[in-house]
Amino acid sequence: MKIVAYAVKVGREVGIFSTWPECQNAVKGYTGAVYRGFSSRELAEAWLGGTDVASYPKTGFSADGGCKKNPGRMVWKVYSLAAKKLVESSDNAGHGTNNQAEIIAVGRACAGAGTGETIYTDSKTALAWINGSGNPTVPESWLLKIRDYITTKKLVLVKWDKEKWGECPSDCK
C-alpha cells in the first residue's frame, strides 16, 4: 500500500499531512501520539473524524447530487472507490431539485460501472424512486434507464452508511 496521507489524532499538531517528515514533526517525542498512514486523503480524513475505515467500501462508486438552493443549479459527482478519485462530475447540470441531481448522479455511476459493481448513494429518496416507490419528480424514462443498467450489468445499489463510514467521497457540499 502506497501511503499518500498521514492523519494525526493526538500529537504536537493534529491533522492531515502529505509527507512522513511533516507527520513525524507532529508526533516525534510526543508521549501517547496516535497517528496512521493511509492510501488516500479521504480515508485519512474519515479516520481522523472517527470513521471505521476498516469497513469503508474499497470498490464500486459513490454518487451524489445536490443544489446550492433547492430548487436551483444542480451539481453531481461520481467517485471511484477503487481508484480513489473523482471520475465524473458536473457543476452545472441545469435547474432542478436536490433529488433530481441525486438521480442524475446515480444514473451516471450506473452508466460507467462494470458488471457486478456496487453503486453507493446517500439519498433515501433516489433509492425509493429507483425501487418504484415514492412520487418521482424525474421523467420515468430516467428511472427505467437506471433500472435497465442495474438489471443488465447486475449492479448493486446500496445506501451509503454515513454513521459508519463518514461523508461519502462524492459529497456535493
N, C-alpha and C. Protein backbone atom coordinates (compact mmCIF):
# COMPACT_ATOMS: atom_id res chain seq x y z
N MET A 1 0.85 -1.18 0.00
CA MET A 1 0.00 0.00 0.00
C MET A 1 0.89 1.24 0.00
N LYS A 2 0.66 2.11 -0.94
CA LYS A 2 1.40 3.38 -1.01
C LYS A 2 0.71 4.38 -0.08
N ILE A 3 1.47 4.96 0.83
CA ILE A 3 0.95 5.96 1.77
C ILE A 3 0.96 7.32 1.08
N VAL A 4 -0.21 7.96 1.02
CA VAL A 4 -0.29 9.29 0.41
C VAL A 4 -0.77 10.35 1.39
N ALA A 5 -1.23 9.91 2.58
CA ALA A 5 -1.69 10.86 3.59
C ALA A 5 -1.48 10.27 4.98
N TYR A 6 -1.12 11.12 5.92
CA TYR A 6 -0.93 10.72 7.31
C TYR A 6 -1.91 11.52 8.16
N ALA A 7 -2.60 10.84 9.07
CA ALA A 7 -3.54 11.51 9.97
C ALA A 7 -3.00 11.41 11.39
N VAL A 8 -3.01 12.53 12.10
CA VAL A 8 -2.57 12.57 13.50
C VAL A 8 -3.77 12.96 14.35
N LYS A 9 -4.18 12.03 15.25
CA LYS A 9 -5.29 12.31 16.18
C LYS A 9 -4.78 12.97 17.45
N VAL A 10 -3.62 12.49 17.93
CA VAL A 10 -3.03 13.03 19.15
C VAL A 10 -1.55 13.28 18.87
N GLY A 11 -1.13 14.52 19.06
CA GLY A 11 0.27 14.87 18.81
C GLY A 11 0.49 16.34 19.04
N ARG A 12 1.69 16.82 18.71
CA ARG A 12 2.01 18.24 18.82
C ARG A 12 1.07 19.06 17.95
N GLU A 13 0.76 18.48 16.80
CA GLU A 13 -0.18 19.10 15.85
C GLU A 13 -1.12 18.01 15.36
N VAL A 14 -2.42 18.29 15.33
CA VAL A 14 -3.44 17.34 14.88
C VAL A 14 -3.86 17.72 13.47
N GLY A 15 -4.01 16.70 12.62
CA GLY A 15 -4.47 16.99 11.26
C GLY A 15 -3.99 15.97 10.25
N ILE A 16 -4.07 16.35 8.97
CA ILE A 16 -3.67 15.50 7.86
C ILE A 16 -2.37 16.07 7.27
N PHE A 17 -1.43 15.17 7.00
CA PHE A 17 -0.13 15.56 6.45
C PHE A 17 0.15 14.76 5.19
N SER A 18 0.81 15.39 4.23
CA SER A 18 1.08 14.75 2.94
C SER A 18 2.38 13.95 2.93
N THR A 19 3.30 14.24 3.85
CA THR A 19 4.58 13.55 3.85
C THR A 19 4.89 13.01 5.24
N TRP A 20 5.76 11.96 5.25
CA TRP A 20 6.18 11.40 6.53
C TRP A 20 6.94 12.43 7.37
N PRO A 21 7.87 13.22 6.82
CA PRO A 21 8.56 14.21 7.65
C PRO A 21 7.60 15.20 8.34
N GLU A 22 6.54 15.61 7.64
CA GLU A 22 5.55 16.51 8.26
C GLU A 22 4.86 15.81 9.43
N CYS A 23 4.46 14.56 9.21
CA CYS A 23 3.79 13.78 10.26
C CYS A 23 4.75 13.56 11.43
N GLN A 24 5.97 13.19 11.10
CA GLN A 24 6.97 12.92 12.12
C GLN A 24 7.19 14.13 13.02
N ASN A 25 7.23 15.33 12.44
CA ASN A 25 7.37 16.56 13.23
C ASN A 25 6.22 16.74 14.20
N ALA A 26 5.04 16.25 13.82
CA ALA A 26 3.86 16.42 14.66
C ALA A 26 3.79 15.40 15.80
N VAL A 27 4.52 14.26 15.67
CA VAL A 27 4.38 13.20 16.67
C VAL A 27 5.68 12.81 17.39
N LYS A 28 6.83 13.07 16.79
CA LYS A 28 8.11 12.62 17.36
C LYS A 28 8.32 13.21 18.76
N GLY A 29 8.57 12.30 19.71
CA GLY A 29 8.81 12.72 21.09
C GLY A 29 7.55 13.06 21.87
N TYR A 30 6.38 12.94 21.25
CA TYR A 30 5.12 13.26 21.92
C TYR A 30 4.58 11.97 22.55
N THR A 31 4.55 11.91 23.87
CA THR A 31 4.07 10.72 24.58
C THR A 31 2.58 10.50 24.30
N GLY A 32 2.24 9.27 23.87
CA GLY A 32 0.85 8.93 23.60
C GLY A 32 0.36 9.37 22.24
N ALA A 33 1.27 9.68 21.32
CA ALA A 33 0.87 10.11 19.98
C ALA A 33 0.05 9.01 19.30
N VAL A 34 -0.99 9.43 18.57
CA VAL A 34 -1.85 8.50 17.83
C VAL A 34 -1.89 8.98 16.38
N TYR A 35 -1.39 8.13 15.46
CA TYR A 35 -1.31 8.52 14.05
C TYR A 35 -1.31 7.28 13.19
N ARG A 36 -1.64 7.47 11.90
CA ARG A 36 -1.67 6.38 10.92
C ARG A 36 -1.44 6.92 9.53
N GLY A 37 -0.92 6.06 8.65
CA GLY A 37 -0.78 6.39 7.24
C GLY A 37 -1.90 5.76 6.45
N PHE A 38 -2.31 6.41 5.35
CA PHE A 38 -3.44 5.94 4.55
C PHE A 38 -3.13 6.01 3.06
N SER A 39 -3.85 5.20 2.30
CA SER A 39 -3.68 5.16 0.85
C SER A 39 -4.44 6.28 0.14
N SER A 40 -5.25 7.03 0.87
CA SER A 40 -5.95 8.17 0.27
C SER A 40 -6.22 9.23 1.34
N ARG A 41 -6.33 10.46 0.91
CA ARG A 41 -6.65 11.55 1.83
C ARG A 41 -8.05 11.35 2.42
N GLU A 42 -8.98 10.82 1.59
CA GLU A 42 -10.35 10.60 2.07
C GLU A 42 -10.38 9.64 3.25
N LEU A 43 -9.60 8.55 3.17
CA LEU A 43 -9.54 7.60 4.29
C LEU A 43 -8.92 8.23 5.52
N ALA A 44 -7.87 9.03 5.32
CA ALA A 44 -7.24 9.72 6.45
C ALA A 44 -8.23 10.66 7.13
N GLU A 45 -8.98 11.41 6.33
CA GLU A 45 -9.99 12.33 6.88
C GLU A 45 -11.07 11.56 7.62
N ALA A 46 -11.50 10.43 7.04
CA ALA A 46 -12.53 9.61 7.68
C ALA A 46 -12.05 9.10 9.03
N TRP A 47 -10.82 8.56 9.10
CA TRP A 47 -10.27 8.03 10.34
C TRP A 47 -10.13 9.14 11.38
N LEU A 48 -9.65 10.28 10.95
CA LEU A 48 -9.48 11.41 11.86
C LEU A 48 -10.83 11.85 12.42
N GLY A 49 -11.89 11.70 11.60
CA GLY A 49 -13.24 12.07 12.04
C GLY A 49 -13.95 10.98 12.83
N GLY A 50 -13.28 9.86 13.10
CA GLY A 50 -13.88 8.80 13.92
C GLY A 50 -14.55 7.69 13.13
N THR A 51 -14.37 7.67 11.83
CA THR A 51 -14.99 6.66 10.99
C THR A 51 -14.23 5.34 11.08
N ASP A 52 -14.97 4.23 11.03
CA ASP A 52 -14.38 2.89 11.00
C ASP A 52 -13.87 2.62 9.59
N VAL A 53 -12.62 3.00 9.33
CA VAL A 53 -12.09 2.89 7.97
C VAL A 53 -11.82 1.45 7.55
N ALA A 54 -11.74 0.53 8.51
CA ALA A 54 -11.53 -0.88 8.15
C ALA A 54 -12.71 -1.41 7.34
N SER A 55 -13.90 -0.88 7.60
CA SER A 55 -15.08 -1.36 6.88
C SER A 55 -15.49 -0.44 5.73
N TYR A 56 -14.73 0.62 5.51
CA TYR A 56 -15.01 1.59 4.45
C TYR A 56 -14.98 0.87 3.11
N PRO A 57 -15.99 1.05 2.26
CA PRO A 57 -16.00 0.36 0.97
C PRO A 57 -14.77 0.70 0.13
N LYS A 58 -14.21 -0.32 -0.50
CA LYS A 58 -12.98 -0.13 -1.27
C LYS A 58 -13.19 -0.34 -2.77
N THR A 59 -14.38 -0.76 -3.16
CA THR A 59 -14.69 -0.94 -4.58
C THR A 59 -16.06 -0.34 -4.87
N GLY A 60 -16.33 -0.15 -6.14
CA GLY A 60 -17.60 0.44 -6.56
C GLY A 60 -17.49 1.94 -6.72
N PHE A 61 -18.64 2.59 -6.75
CA PHE A 61 -18.70 4.03 -6.97
C PHE A 61 -19.63 4.67 -5.95
N SER A 62 -19.29 5.88 -5.51
CA SER A 62 -20.25 6.66 -4.73
C SER A 62 -20.76 7.77 -5.64
N ALA A 63 -22.05 8.03 -5.55
CA ALA A 63 -22.70 9.03 -6.40
C ALA A 63 -23.47 10.00 -5.51
N ASP A 64 -23.36 11.29 -5.81
CA ASP A 64 -24.08 12.28 -5.02
C ASP A 64 -24.47 13.46 -5.91
N GLY A 65 -25.59 14.04 -5.60
CA GLY A 65 -26.06 15.22 -6.30
C GLY A 65 -26.63 16.21 -5.32
N GLY A 66 -26.74 17.44 -5.75
CA GLY A 66 -27.31 18.44 -4.87
C GLY A 66 -27.55 19.74 -5.62
N CYS A 67 -28.05 20.72 -4.86
CA CYS A 67 -28.33 22.05 -5.39
C CYS A 67 -27.82 23.07 -4.39
N LYS A 68 -27.37 24.19 -4.89
CA LYS A 68 -26.94 25.26 -4.00
C LYS A 68 -28.15 25.86 -3.28
N LYS A 69 -29.25 25.98 -4.00
CA LYS A 69 -30.56 26.31 -3.43
C LYS A 69 -31.48 25.24 -3.97
N ASN A 70 -32.53 24.90 -3.25
CA ASN A 70 -33.40 23.82 -3.69
C ASN A 70 -34.82 24.34 -3.92
N PRO A 71 -35.28 24.42 -5.16
CA PRO A 71 -34.59 24.07 -6.40
C PRO A 71 -33.56 25.13 -6.78
N GLY A 72 -32.67 24.73 -7.69
CA GLY A 72 -31.61 25.62 -8.12
C GLY A 72 -30.69 24.94 -9.10
N ARG A 73 -29.47 25.47 -9.21
CA ARG A 73 -28.48 24.90 -10.11
C ARG A 73 -28.02 23.56 -9.56
N MET A 74 -28.21 22.50 -10.36
CA MET A 74 -27.86 21.16 -9.92
C MET A 74 -26.37 20.87 -10.15
N VAL A 75 -25.78 20.14 -9.20
CA VAL A 75 -24.41 19.65 -9.30
C VAL A 75 -24.43 18.17 -8.95
N TRP A 76 -23.48 17.41 -9.50
CA TRP A 76 -23.38 15.99 -9.14
C TRP A 76 -21.95 15.50 -9.33
N LYS A 77 -21.62 14.39 -8.63
CA LYS A 77 -20.28 13.80 -8.69
C LYS A 77 -20.39 12.28 -8.63
N VAL A 78 -19.45 11.61 -9.31
CA VAL A 78 -19.29 10.16 -9.22
C VAL A 78 -17.82 9.91 -8.87
N TYR A 79 -17.61 9.16 -7.79
CA TYR A 79 -16.27 8.89 -7.26
C TYR A 79 -15.99 7.40 -7.31
N SER A 80 -14.83 7.00 -7.85
CA SER A 80 -14.42 5.60 -7.86
C SER A 80 -13.74 5.26 -6.55
N LEU A 81 -14.31 4.32 -5.81
CA LEU A 81 -13.71 3.93 -4.54
C LEU A 81 -12.43 3.13 -4.75
N ALA A 82 -12.36 2.35 -5.83
CA ALA A 82 -11.16 1.55 -6.12
C ALA A 82 -10.00 2.45 -6.57
N ALA A 83 -10.28 3.40 -7.46
CA ALA A 83 -9.24 4.30 -7.97
C ALA A 83 -8.97 5.46 -7.02
N LYS A 84 -9.87 5.66 -6.05
CA LYS A 84 -9.77 6.75 -5.08
C LYS A 84 -9.69 8.11 -5.76
N LYS A 85 -10.61 8.29 -6.73
CA LYS A 85 -10.62 9.60 -7.41
C LYS A 85 -12.00 9.88 -8.01
N LEU A 86 -12.24 11.16 -8.21
CA LEU A 86 -13.45 11.62 -8.87
C LEU A 86 -13.35 11.23 -10.34
N VAL A 87 -14.37 10.54 -10.87
CA VAL A 87 -14.30 10.08 -12.25
C VAL A 87 -15.23 10.86 -13.18
N GLU A 88 -16.22 11.53 -12.62
CA GLU A 88 -17.13 12.30 -13.45
C GLU A 88 -17.88 13.29 -12.56
N SER A 89 -18.14 14.48 -13.09
CA SER A 89 -18.89 15.47 -12.30
C SER A 89 -19.43 16.55 -13.22
N SER A 90 -20.38 17.29 -12.69
CA SER A 90 -20.90 18.47 -13.37
C SER A 90 -21.23 19.51 -12.31
N ASP A 91 -20.75 20.73 -12.52
CA ASP A 91 -21.09 21.80 -11.58
C ASP A 91 -22.21 22.68 -12.11
N ASN A 92 -22.80 22.25 -13.24
CA ASN A 92 -23.95 22.97 -13.78
C ASN A 92 -24.78 22.02 -14.64
N ALA A 93 -25.61 21.22 -13.97
CA ALA A 93 -26.45 20.23 -14.64
C ALA A 93 -27.86 20.77 -14.90
N GLY A 94 -27.96 22.07 -14.99
CA GLY A 94 -29.26 22.68 -15.23
C GLY A 94 -29.98 23.01 -13.94
N HIS A 95 -31.22 23.48 -14.08
CA HIS A 95 -32.04 23.88 -12.94
C HIS A 95 -32.92 22.71 -12.53
N GLY A 96 -32.95 22.41 -11.25
CA GLY A 96 -33.79 21.32 -10.76
C GLY A 96 -33.72 21.23 -9.26
N THR A 97 -34.04 20.05 -8.73
CA THR A 97 -34.07 19.84 -7.28
C THR A 97 -32.91 18.95 -6.85
N ASN A 98 -32.69 18.93 -5.55
CA ASN A 98 -31.66 18.07 -4.98
C ASN A 98 -31.90 16.61 -5.37
N ASN A 99 -33.14 16.14 -5.25
CA ASN A 99 -33.45 14.74 -5.57
C ASN A 99 -33.21 14.43 -7.05
N GLN A 100 -33.51 15.37 -7.92
CA GLN A 100 -33.25 15.16 -9.35
C GLN A 100 -31.74 15.04 -9.60
N ALA A 101 -30.95 15.87 -8.92
CA ALA A 101 -29.49 15.80 -9.06
C ALA A 101 -28.97 14.46 -8.54
N GLU A 102 -29.56 13.95 -7.46
CA GLU A 102 -29.16 12.64 -6.92
C GLU A 102 -29.41 11.54 -7.96
N ILE A 103 -30.56 11.59 -8.63
CA ILE A 103 -30.89 10.59 -9.65
C ILE A 103 -29.91 10.68 -10.83
N ILE A 104 -29.57 11.89 -11.25
CA ILE A 104 -28.61 12.05 -12.34
C ILE A 104 -27.28 11.41 -11.95
N ALA A 105 -26.81 11.66 -10.72
CA ALA A 105 -25.54 11.11 -10.26
C ALA A 105 -25.57 9.57 -10.25
N VAL A 106 -26.63 9.00 -9.73
CA VAL A 106 -26.76 7.53 -9.70
C VAL A 106 -26.79 6.99 -11.13
N GLY A 107 -27.52 7.65 -12.01
CA GLY A 107 -27.58 7.23 -13.40
C GLY A 107 -26.21 7.25 -14.07
N ARG A 108 -25.43 8.31 -13.83
CA ARG A 108 -24.09 8.40 -14.41
C ARG A 108 -23.17 7.32 -13.84
N ALA A 109 -23.29 7.05 -12.54
CA ALA A 109 -22.48 5.99 -11.92
C ALA A 109 -22.83 4.63 -12.52
N CYS A 110 -24.11 4.37 -12.69
CA CYS A 110 -24.56 3.11 -13.29
C CYS A 110 -24.06 2.98 -14.73
N ALA A 111 -24.10 4.07 -15.48
CA ALA A 111 -23.66 4.05 -16.87
C ALA A 111 -22.18 3.69 -16.97
N GLY A 112 -21.37 4.19 -16.04
CA GLY A 112 -19.93 3.96 -16.09
C GLY A 112 -19.45 2.71 -15.38
N ALA A 113 -20.32 2.08 -14.62
CA ALA A 113 -19.92 0.91 -13.83
C ALA A 113 -19.78 -0.34 -14.68
N GLY A 114 -18.92 -1.22 -14.23
CA GLY A 114 -18.77 -2.52 -14.88
C GLY A 114 -19.75 -3.52 -14.28
N THR A 115 -19.79 -4.69 -14.87
CA THR A 115 -20.70 -5.75 -14.41
C THR A 115 -20.43 -6.11 -12.95
N GLY A 116 -21.51 -6.19 -12.18
CA GLY A 116 -21.43 -6.64 -10.79
C GLY A 116 -20.93 -5.62 -9.79
N GLU A 117 -20.73 -4.39 -10.20
CA GLU A 117 -20.20 -3.38 -9.27
C GLU A 117 -21.30 -2.84 -8.36
N THR A 118 -20.85 -2.18 -7.29
CA THR A 118 -21.76 -1.58 -6.32
C THR A 118 -21.77 -0.07 -6.50
N ILE A 119 -22.97 0.49 -6.47
CA ILE A 119 -23.16 1.94 -6.53
C ILE A 119 -23.71 2.37 -5.18
N TYR A 120 -23.04 3.32 -4.54
CA TYR A 120 -23.48 3.84 -3.24
C TYR A 120 -24.08 5.22 -3.44
N THR A 121 -25.18 5.47 -2.75
CA THR A 121 -25.79 6.79 -2.73
C THR A 121 -26.23 7.10 -1.30
N ASP A 122 -26.18 8.36 -0.92
CA ASP A 122 -26.65 8.74 0.41
C ASP A 122 -28.12 9.18 0.38
N SER A 123 -28.77 9.02 -0.78
CA SER A 123 -30.14 9.51 -0.95
C SER A 123 -31.19 8.41 -0.78
N LYS A 124 -31.95 8.50 0.30
CA LYS A 124 -33.07 7.58 0.51
C LYS A 124 -34.12 7.78 -0.57
N THR A 125 -34.31 9.02 -0.97
CA THR A 125 -35.32 9.32 -1.99
C THR A 125 -34.94 8.70 -3.33
N ALA A 126 -33.69 8.83 -3.75
CA ALA A 126 -33.25 8.22 -5.01
C ALA A 126 -33.46 6.72 -4.97
N LEU A 127 -33.09 6.10 -3.87
CA LEU A 127 -33.28 4.65 -3.74
C LEU A 127 -34.76 4.28 -3.84
N ALA A 128 -35.61 5.04 -3.19
CA ALA A 128 -37.06 4.76 -3.23
C ALA A 128 -37.59 4.90 -4.65
N TRP A 129 -37.22 5.97 -5.34
CA TRP A 129 -37.70 6.19 -6.70
C TRP A 129 -37.23 5.07 -7.63
N ILE A 130 -35.98 4.70 -7.51
CA ILE A 130 -35.44 3.64 -8.38
C ILE A 130 -36.13 2.31 -8.09
N ASN A 131 -36.48 2.09 -6.83
CA ASN A 131 -37.17 0.85 -6.44
C ASN A 131 -38.67 0.91 -6.65
N GLY A 132 -39.16 1.99 -7.25
CA GLY A 132 -40.57 2.07 -7.62
C GLY A 132 -41.52 2.61 -6.59
N SER A 133 -41.02 3.28 -5.56
CA SER A 133 -41.93 3.88 -4.58
C SER A 133 -41.72 5.39 -4.52
N GLY A 134 -42.57 6.05 -3.77
CA GLY A 134 -42.49 7.50 -3.67
C GLY A 134 -43.16 8.16 -4.86
N ASN A 135 -42.97 9.46 -4.97
CA ASN A 135 -43.55 10.26 -6.05
C ASN A 135 -42.44 10.95 -6.82
N PRO A 136 -41.84 10.24 -7.78
CA PRO A 136 -40.70 10.80 -8.51
C PRO A 136 -41.04 12.10 -9.24
N THR A 137 -40.07 13.02 -9.23
CA THR A 137 -40.20 14.26 -9.98
C THR A 137 -39.20 14.28 -11.14
N VAL A 138 -38.79 13.09 -11.57
CA VAL A 138 -37.94 12.95 -12.75
C VAL A 138 -38.72 12.16 -13.79
N PRO A 139 -38.38 12.30 -15.05
CA PRO A 139 -39.07 11.51 -16.08
C PRO A 139 -38.93 10.00 -15.82
N GLU A 140 -39.99 9.27 -16.03
CA GLU A 140 -39.97 7.82 -15.85
C GLU A 140 -38.87 7.18 -16.69
N SER A 141 -38.57 7.77 -17.85
CA SER A 141 -37.53 7.21 -18.73
C SER A 141 -36.16 7.19 -18.03
N TRP A 142 -35.88 8.17 -17.16
CA TRP A 142 -34.62 8.18 -16.42
C TRP A 142 -34.54 6.97 -15.49
N LEU A 143 -35.64 6.73 -14.77
CA LEU A 143 -35.68 5.62 -13.82
C LEU A 143 -35.61 4.28 -14.54
N LEU A 144 -36.30 4.19 -15.68
CA LEU A 144 -36.25 2.95 -16.47
C LEU A 144 -34.83 2.66 -16.95
N LYS A 145 -34.10 3.69 -17.35
CA LYS A 145 -32.73 3.52 -17.82
C LYS A 145 -31.83 3.02 -16.68
N ILE A 146 -31.98 3.60 -15.49
CA ILE A 146 -31.20 3.18 -14.33
C ILE A 146 -31.53 1.73 -13.97
N ARG A 147 -32.82 1.40 -13.96
CA ARG A 147 -33.23 0.02 -13.66
C ARG A 147 -32.67 -0.96 -14.69
N ASP A 148 -32.61 -0.52 -15.95
CA ASP A 148 -32.05 -1.36 -17.01
C ASP A 148 -30.55 -1.60 -16.77
N TYR A 149 -29.81 -0.54 -16.41
CA TYR A 149 -28.39 -0.70 -16.08
C TYR A 149 -28.22 -1.71 -14.93
N ILE A 150 -29.02 -1.54 -13.89
CA ILE A 150 -28.92 -2.41 -12.71
C ILE A 150 -29.17 -3.87 -13.09
N THR A 151 -30.17 -4.09 -13.92
CA THR A 151 -30.51 -5.46 -14.33
C THR A 151 -29.47 -6.05 -15.28
N THR A 152 -29.14 -5.34 -16.35
CA THR A 152 -28.25 -5.91 -17.37
C THR A 152 -26.81 -6.00 -16.89
N LYS A 153 -26.37 -5.07 -16.06
CA LYS A 153 -24.99 -5.11 -15.56
C LYS A 153 -24.88 -5.81 -14.20
N LYS A 154 -26.03 -6.25 -13.67
CA LYS A 154 -26.06 -6.91 -12.36
C LYS A 154 -25.42 -6.02 -11.28
N LEU A 155 -25.81 -4.75 -11.29
CA LEU A 155 -25.29 -3.79 -10.32
C LEU A 155 -26.01 -3.93 -8.99
N VAL A 156 -25.34 -3.51 -7.94
CA VAL A 156 -25.93 -3.50 -6.61
C VAL A 156 -26.01 -2.04 -6.17
N LEU A 157 -27.18 -1.59 -5.77
CA LEU A 157 -27.39 -0.22 -5.32
C LEU A 157 -27.53 -0.24 -3.80
N VAL A 158 -26.66 0.53 -3.10
CA VAL A 158 -26.59 0.47 -1.65
C VAL A 158 -26.64 1.87 -1.06
N LYS A 159 -27.31 1.99 0.08
CA LYS A 159 -27.34 3.25 0.83
C LYS A 159 -25.99 3.45 1.51
N TRP A 160 -25.35 4.61 1.28
CA TRP A 160 -24.08 4.94 1.93
C TRP A 160 -24.32 5.07 3.43
N ASP A 161 -23.56 4.37 4.25
CA ASP A 161 -23.72 4.38 5.70
C ASP A 161 -22.86 5.48 6.31
N LYS A 162 -23.44 6.67 6.39
CA LYS A 162 -22.71 7.86 6.87
C LYS A 162 -22.26 7.70 8.33
N GLU A 163 -23.08 7.02 9.14
CA GLU A 163 -22.73 6.82 10.54
C GLU A 163 -21.47 5.98 10.69
N LYS A 164 -21.32 4.99 9.82
CA LYS A 164 -20.19 4.06 9.89
C LYS A 164 -18.97 4.55 9.12
N TRP A 165 -19.19 5.16 7.94
CA TRP A 165 -18.10 5.50 7.04
C TRP A 165 -17.81 7.00 6.93
N GLY A 166 -18.66 7.82 7.51
CA GLY A 166 -18.49 9.27 7.35
C GLY A 166 -19.13 9.74 6.06
N GLU A 167 -18.83 10.95 5.67
CA GLU A 167 -19.39 11.54 4.45
C GLU A 167 -18.92 10.75 3.24
N CYS A 168 -19.82 10.56 2.26
CA CYS A 168 -19.42 9.83 1.06
C CYS A 168 -18.42 10.68 0.27
N PRO A 169 -17.45 10.03 -0.38
CA PRO A 169 -16.40 10.77 -1.08
C PRO A 169 -16.91 11.65 -2.22
N SER A 170 -18.09 11.36 -2.73
CA SER A 170 -18.63 12.16 -3.82
C SER A 170 -19.51 13.31 -3.32
N ASP A 171 -19.50 13.55 -2.02
CA ASP A 171 -20.41 14.54 -1.44
C ASP A 171 -20.36 15.88 -2.15
N CYS A 172 -21.54 16.40 -2.46
CA CYS A 172 -21.68 17.71 -3.14
C CYS A 172 -22.03 18.78 -2.13
N LYS A 173 -21.06 19.19 -1.35
CA LYS A 173 -21.29 20.23 -0.34
C LYS A 173 -21.39 21.58 -0.98
